[in-house]
Every structure is written in C-alpha cells, then in structure tokens.
Amino acid sequence: MITGRKSIGALAGRDLECGFTLEEEFGLLTDLAERAGWRWDEIALALLELTDEYASAHRSDLALVRHPTRGVAALKTRH
C-alpha cells in the first residue's frame, strides 16, 4: 500500500522518502511481471518507457521560481 509523506519538514529528503514508499509496490509489480513470463530486461525497458511518459505528461506542472532570499532559480512543482 502506498502511503503519503510521513515528514512535513524540508523538501530535501522528499525524493528518497517517495522511493522508499514505492519500493515494496515496485517489487510486487516486477514479481508479477516475471511470473507472467517477462524477462527482467523487458520489464526494465517497459518501466523506463512508462516513467518517461509519466514525466512528459507532468512537465507542464513544473515552473521555474526565484528563491526569495538567494535569488536563485529553482525547479518547483505546483502541488
């Protein structure tokens, strides 16, 4: 079961936390694909293509914003 974020602090570890959250479900997904007869390389390629499609579909959600104190442009999501 995929859960929401546990911490509400800084965004620094957000990607790691998301990875840990998805890890178990990812393992289940790849196990199901292997049991269905797909090779690991076929599964990996399919997942890479799906990830690329997912990222492409959500690129419009990204915006460059200026950091208020450092004045450095940073990539932030709208949600």
C-alpha atoms as a PDB file:
ATOM      1  CA  MET A   1       0.000   0.000   0.000  1.00  0.00           C
ATOM      2  CA  ILE A   2       1.390   3.367  -0.998  1.00  0.00           C
ATOM      3  CA  THR A   3       1.201   5.935   1.777  1.00  0.00           C
ATOM      4  CA  GLY A   4       1.611   9.699   1.910  1.00  0.00           C
ATOM      5  CA  ARG A   5       4.593  11.581   3.271  1.00  0.00           C
ATOM      6  CA  LYS A   6       5.483  10.946   6.885  1.00  0.00           C
ATOM      7  CA  SER A   7       7.547  14.085   7.446  1.00  0.00           C
ATOM      8  CA  ILE A   8       6.337  17.610   6.960  1.00  0.00           C
ATOM      9  CA  GLY A   9       9.740  19.296   7.095  1.00  0.00           C
ATOM     10  CA  ALA A  10      12.116  20.359   4.347  1.00  0.00           C
ATOM     11  CA  LEU A  11      11.887  19.003   0.836  1.00  0.00           C
ATOM     12  CA  ALA A  12      15.494  17.726   0.884  1.00  0.00           C
ATOM     13  CA  GLY A  13      14.615  14.072   1.510  1.00  0.00           C
ATOM     14  CA  ARG A  14      11.315  14.029  -0.349  1.00  0.00           C
ATOM     15  CA  ASP A  15      12.635  12.003  -3.316  1.00  0.00           C
ATOM     16  CA  LEU A  16      14.224   9.421  -1.012  1.00  0.00           C
ATOM     17  CA  GLU A  17      11.053   9.117   1.054  1.00  0.00           C
ATOM     18  CA  CYS A  18       8.995   8.650  -2.106  1.00  0.00           C
ATOM     19  CA  GLY A  19      11.408   5.942  -3.291  1.00  0.00           C
ATOM     20  CA  PHE A  20      11.164   4.055  -0.011  1.00  0.00           C
ATOM     21  CA  THR A  21       7.385   4.334  -0.140  1.00  0.00           C
ATOM     22  CA  LEU A  22       7.196   2.935  -3.685  1.00  0.00           C
ATOM     23  CA  GLU A  23       9.839   0.234  -3.207  1.00  0.00           C
ATOM     24  CA  GLU A  24       7.576  -2.540  -1.896  1.00  0.00           C
ATOM     25  CA  GLU A  25       4.917  -1.990  -4.570  1.00  0.00           C
ATOM     26  CA  PHE A  26       7.646  -1.837  -7.219  1.00  0.00           C
ATOM     27  CA  GLY A  27       8.906  -5.235  -6.072  1.00  0.00           C
ATOM     28  CA  LEU A  28       5.402  -6.681  -6.251  1.00  0.00           C
ATOM     29  CA  LEU A  29       4.900  -5.261  -9.747  1.00  0.00           C
ATOM     30  CA  THR A  30       8.168  -6.678 -11.079  1.00  0.00           C
ATOM     31  CA  ASP A  31       7.481 -10.060  -9.421  1.00  0.00           C
ATOM     32  CA  LEU A  32       4.076 -10.213 -11.124  1.00  0.00           C
ATOM     33  CA  ALA A  33       5.648  -9.399 -14.490  1.00  0.00           C
ATOM     34  CA  GLU A  34       8.351 -12.059 -14.037  1.00  0.00           C
ATOM     35  CA  ARG A  35       5.751 -14.675 -13.053  1.00  0.00           C
ATOM     36  CA  ALA A  36       3.839 -13.772 -16.201  1.00  0.00           C
ATOM     37  CA  GLY A  37       6.927 -14.719 -18.215  1.00  0.00           C
ATOM     38  CA  TRP A  38       8.565 -11.364 -18.911  1.00  0.00           C
ATOM     39  CA  ARG A  39      12.378 -11.154 -18.704  1.00  0.00           C
ATOM     40  CA  TRP A  40      13.997  -8.612 -16.372  1.00  0.00           C
ATOM     41  CA  ASP A  41      15.340  -6.565 -19.308  1.00  0.00           C
ATOM     42  CA  GLU A  42      11.883  -6.378 -20.917  1.00  0.00           C
ATOM     43  CA  ILE A  43      10.385  -5.276 -17.602  1.00  0.00           C
ATOM     44  CA  ALA A  44      13.093  -2.647 -17.073  1.00  0.00           C
ATOM     45  CA  LEU A  45      12.643  -1.224 -20.573  1.00  0.00           C
ATOM     46  CA  ALA A  46       8.852  -1.089 -20.190  1.00  0.00           C
ATOM     47  CA  LEU A  47       9.169   0.666 -16.818  1.00  0.00           C
ATOM     48  CA  LEU A  48      11.643   3.193 -18.246  1.00  0.00           C
ATOM     49  CA  GLU A  49       9.265   3.967 -21.107  1.00  0.00           C
ATOM     50  CA  LEU A  50       6.327   4.321 -18.711  1.00  0.00           C
ATOM     51  CA  THR A  51       8.403   6.595 -16.471  1.00  0.00           C
ATOM     52  CA  ASP A  52       9.347   8.771 -19.432  1.00  0.00           C
ATOM     53  CA  GLU A  53       5.697   9.035 -20.493  1.00  0.00           C
ATOM     54  CA  TYR A  54       4.680   9.905 -16.919  1.00  0.00           C
ATOM     55  CA  ALA A  55       7.349  12.605 -16.665  1.00  0.00           C
ATOM     56  CA  SER A  56       6.457  14.040 -20.070  1.00  0.00           C
ATOM     57  CA  ALA A  57       2.785  14.244 -19.138  1.00  0.00           C
ATOM     58  CA  HIS A  58       3.620  16.140 -15.942  1.00  0.00           C
ATOM     59  CA  ARG A  59       6.315  18.507 -17.234  1.00  0.00           C
ATOM     60  CA  SER A  60       3.740  21.251 -17.615  1.00  0.00           C
ATOM     61  CA  ASP A  61       3.286  21.114 -13.816  1.00  0.00           C
ATOM     62  CA  LEU A  62       6.845  22.409 -13.326  1.00  0.00           C
ATOM     63  CA  ALA A  63       7.712  26.069 -13.098  1.00  0.00           C
ATOM     64  CA  LEU A  64      10.913  27.998 -12.507  1.00  0.00           C
ATOM     65  CA  VAL A  65      10.642  30.208  -9.451  1.00  0.00           C
ATOM     66  CA  ARG A  66      13.091  32.555  -7.774  1.00  0.00           C
ATOM     67  CA  HIS A  67      14.219  31.755  -4.263  1.00  0.00           C
ATOM     68  CA  PRO A  68      13.213  34.754  -2.098  1.00  0.00           C
ATOM     69  CA  THR A  69      16.494  35.038  -0.174  1.00  0.00           C
ATOM     70  CA  ARG A  70      19.083  33.615  -2.558  1.00  0.00           C
ATOM     71  CA  GLY A  71      17.642  34.851  -5.835  1.00  0.00           C
ATOM     72  CA  VAL A  72      18.459  31.513  -7.434  1.00  0.00           C
ATOM     73  CA  ALA A  73      16.002  29.977  -9.870  1.00  0.00           C
ATOM     74  CA  ALA A  74      14.767  26.600  -8.692  1.00  0.00           C
ATOM     75  CA  LEU A  75      12.534  23.956 -10.195  1.00  0.00           C
ATOM     76  CA  LYS A  76       9.365  23.534  -8.144  1.00  0.00           C
ATOM     77  CA  THR A  77       6.137  21.632  -8.666  1.00  0.00           C
ATOM     78  CA  ARG A  78       2.764  23.304  -8.421  1.00  0.00           C
ATOM     79  CA  HIS A  79       1.385  20.786  -5.928  1.00  0.00           C
END
